[in-house]
Amino acid sequence: MLWRLTFIASVLSTGGCYHQIQNVSDSLDAGLISRSIDSSGEAHYKVPASPIVPNASLRLTPNFSLSLENMLIGAAIFYFVDPLSPNWEGEMRRVSDDTYSIAMRAKRFRSTGGDGEAGRVFRRNAEQIMREGGYSRYDILSYSEGIESETLGAVRFAEGMIRISRK
């Protein structure tokens, strides 16, 4: 998720760098800054002089149209929330011949809650390991859930160890 934010920030910050500006008069000539003088003779500068997103819209029906601004906001929300992706992503590692470690992290932005489902997802992963290995049972050796604080908010996590057996 952090790389997505970094990528978007770099694109937005370098998106207008096609014209190298040396001083304020170059910016005024390029139309990147607007200048106005008030009644007292003091100059005021406004950046940018024209909007970054043009005033355009997509007409879907005779009575309904979507502005480009609303479409971009919707695309950004969909990109970060991504309602079609799974709520949990995990990593399963084999620690020894009969012991596995399962670590899971929840999506940062969940559209449907998801509190309390970590235990079910953990057991589902344990059962998958058991079935794929041809084992008959598993025992949970350790299990914990919690919340990790990060720069952009908190993320739920769950982790544990299981032992599989043929009995």
Protein backbone atom coordinates (compact mmCIF):
# COMPACT_ATOMS: atom_id res chain seq x y z
CA MET A 1 0.00 0.00 0.00
CA LEU A 2 2.84 2.38 0.85
CA TRP A 3 4.38 1.97 -2.60
CA ARG A 4 1.04 2.96 -4.15
CA LEU A 5 0.99 6.22 -2.20
CA THR A 6 4.64 6.90 -3.05
CA PHE A 7 3.97 6.26 -6.73
CA ILE A 8 0.93 8.55 -6.81
CA ALA A 9 2.78 11.31 -4.94
CA SER A 10 5.72 11.12 -7.36
CA VAL A 11 3.43 11.19 -10.41
CA LEU A 12 1.50 14.18 -9.09
CA SER A 13 4.64 16.06 -8.12
CA THR A 14 6.43 15.44 -11.44
CA GLY A 15 3.38 15.61 -13.69
CA GLY A 16 3.82 19.30 -14.44
CA CYS A 17 7.61 19.28 -14.76
CA TYR A 18 7.69 19.43 -18.54
CA HIS A 19 8.53 23.16 -18.47
CA GLN A 20 11.56 24.28 -16.53
CA ILE A 21 10.81 27.54 -14.72
CA GLN A 22 13.69 29.83 -13.84
CA ASN A 23 11.86 32.74 -12.20
CA VAL A 24 8.42 34.26 -11.64
CA SER A 25 8.34 36.05 -15.02
CA ASP A 26 8.94 32.74 -16.83
CA SER A 27 6.03 31.26 -14.88
CA LEU A 28 3.79 34.16 -15.82
CA ASP A 29 4.78 33.80 -19.49
CA ALA A 30 4.05 30.06 -19.40
CA GLY A 31 0.64 30.65 -17.83
CA LEU A 32 1.47 28.60 -14.74
CA ILE A 33 0.95 31.49 -12.30
CA SER A 34 -1.64 34.25 -12.46
CA ARG A 35 -0.90 37.71 -11.12
CA SER A 36 -3.37 40.29 -9.92
CA ILE A 37 -2.92 43.71 -8.36
CA ASP A 38 -5.33 44.87 -5.69
CA SER A 39 -6.56 48.46 -5.10
CA SER A 40 -3.54 49.29 -2.90
CA GLY A 41 -1.15 48.33 -5.70
CA GLU A 42 0.06 45.14 -4.06
CA ALA A 43 0.65 42.15 -6.36
CA HIS A 44 -0.89 38.76 -5.55
CA TYR A 45 0.09 35.50 -7.21
CA LYS A 46 -2.11 32.47 -7.65
CA VAL A 47 -0.71 28.99 -8.41
CA PRO A 48 -1.81 27.30 -10.66
CA ALA A 49 -3.39 29.83 -12.96
CA SER A 50 -5.60 27.21 -14.61
CA PRO A 51 -7.08 24.10 -13.01
CA ILE A 52 -5.08 20.86 -13.15
CA VAL A 53 -8.20 18.83 -14.02
CA PRO A 54 -10.03 20.26 -17.03
CA ASN A 55 -13.73 21.03 -16.85
CA ALA A 56 -14.96 18.03 -18.85
CA SER A 57 -17.79 15.58 -18.39
CA LEU A 58 -19.08 12.33 -19.83
CA ARG A 59 -22.75 12.40 -20.78
CA LEU A 60 -24.26 8.99 -20.05
CA THR A 61 -27.93 9.84 -20.69
CA PRO A 62 -29.68 13.04 -21.77
CA ASN A 63 -30.24 13.94 -18.09
CA PHE A 64 -27.13 12.51 -16.44
CA SER A 65 -23.44 13.19 -16.88
CA LEU A 66 -20.31 12.57 -14.82
CA SER A 67 -17.62 15.20 -14.47
CA LEU A 68 -13.98 14.23 -14.99
CA GLU A 69 -13.30 15.36 -11.43
CA ASN A 70 -15.87 12.92 -10.00
CA MET A 71 -14.56 10.09 -12.19
CA LEU A 72 -10.99 10.68 -10.94
CA ILE A 73 -12.15 10.75 -7.30
CA GLY A 74 -14.09 7.51 -7.83
CA ALA A 75 -11.08 5.84 -9.47
CA ALA A 76 -8.82 6.89 -6.58
CA ILE A 77 -11.27 5.56 -3.98
CA PHE A 78 -11.62 2.27 -5.88
CA TYR A 79 -7.81 2.01 -6.16
CA PHE A 80 -7.25 2.36 -2.40
CA VAL A 81 -10.31 0.47 -1.11
CA ASP A 82 -10.39 -2.17 -3.90
CA PRO A 83 -13.60 -3.92 -2.83
CA LEU A 84 -12.86 -6.95 -5.01
CA SER A 85 -9.60 -7.92 -3.29
CA PRO A 86 -9.59 -10.36 -0.35
CA ASN A 87 -9.86 -8.88 3.15
CA TRP A 88 -6.84 -10.85 4.39
CA GLU A 89 -3.49 -11.69 2.84
CA GLY A 90 -1.27 -14.25 4.43
CA GLU A 91 1.96 -16.14 4.42
CA MET A 92 2.28 -19.82 5.29
CA ARG A 93 5.74 -21.22 6.09
CA ARG A 94 6.90 -24.69 6.95
CA VAL A 95 8.90 -24.51 10.19
CA SER A 96 9.63 -28.24 10.47
CA ASP A 97 8.27 -31.49 9.01
CA ASP A 98 4.98 -31.23 10.92
CA THR A 99 4.84 -27.58 12.02
CA TYR A 100 3.63 -24.58 10.01
CA SER A 101 3.55 -20.86 10.72
CA ILE A 102 0.62 -18.79 9.43
CA ALA A 103 0.83 -14.97 9.44
CA MET A 104 -2.02 -12.80 8.11
CA ARG A 105 -2.66 -9.08 7.64
CA ALA A 106 -6.00 -7.41 6.91
CA LYS A 107 -6.52 -4.83 4.19
CA ARG A 108 -6.06 -1.33 5.48
CA PHE A 109 -9.40 -0.09 4.14
CA ARG A 110 -12.17 -2.67 4.34
CA SER A 111 -15.56 -1.87 2.93
CA THR A 112 -17.41 -4.60 4.83
CA GLY A 113 -16.01 -4.60 8.36
CA GLY A 114 -14.33 -7.97 8.88
CA ASP A 115 -13.79 -7.74 12.63
CA GLY A 116 -13.75 -11.16 14.23
CA GLU A 117 -13.04 -13.11 11.06
CA ALA A 118 -9.30 -13.61 11.65
CA GLY A 119 -9.84 -16.85 13.60
CA ARG A 120 -11.99 -18.31 10.83
CA VAL A 121 -9.46 -17.37 8.15
CA PHE A 122 -6.64 -18.86 10.26
CA ARG A 123 -8.52 -22.17 10.68
CA ARG A 124 -9.39 -22.21 6.97
CA ASN A 125 -5.69 -21.89 6.09
CA ALA A 126 -4.78 -24.62 8.61
CA GLU A 127 -7.38 -26.94 7.09
CA GLN A 128 -6.03 -26.21 3.62
CA ILE A 129 -2.50 -27.19 4.71
CA MET A 130 -3.89 -30.35 6.32
CA ARG A 131 -5.88 -31.40 3.22
CA GLU A 132 -3.12 -30.63 0.69
CA GLY A 133 -0.60 -32.65 2.71
CA GLY A 134 -2.93 -35.62 3.12
CA TYR A 135 -3.05 -35.30 6.92
CA SER A 136 -6.04 -36.10 9.10
CA ARG A 137 -5.85 -33.42 11.81
CA TYR A 138 -4.06 -30.32 13.05
CA ASP A 139 -3.45 -28.81 16.49
CA ILE A 140 -3.10 -25.08 17.10
CA LEU A 141 0.15 -24.55 19.05
CA SER A 142 -0.16 -20.77 19.32
CA TYR A 143 -2.46 -18.06 18.02
CA SER A 144 -2.64 -14.29 18.54
CA GLU A 145 -4.49 -11.36 17.04
CA GLY A 146 -3.80 -7.67 17.32
CA ILE A 147 -3.50 -4.29 15.71
CA GLU A 148 -0.25 -2.80 14.43
CA SER A 149 0.08 0.97 14.25
CA GLU A 150 1.62 2.25 11.05
CA THR A 151 2.20 5.62 9.43
CA LEU A 152 -1.16 5.65 7.64
CA GLY A 153 -3.29 4.09 10.38
CA ALA A 154 -3.69 0.73 12.04
CA VAL A 155 -3.74 -2.72 10.43
CA ARG A 156 -5.21 -5.89 11.96
CA PHE A 157 -3.00 -8.96 12.07
CA ALA A 158 -3.26 -12.59 13.18
CA GLU A 159 -0.51 -15.16 13.47
CA GLY A 160 -0.04 -18.64 14.83
CA MET A 161 1.57 -22.04 14.58
CA ILE A 162 -0.05 -25.40 13.83
CA ARG A 163 1.16 -29.00 14.03
CA ILE A 164 -0.29 -31.50 11.58
CA SER A 165 -0.56 -35.26 12.16
CA ARG A 166 -1.90 -38.38 10.48
CA LYS A 167 -3.74 -39.72 13.56
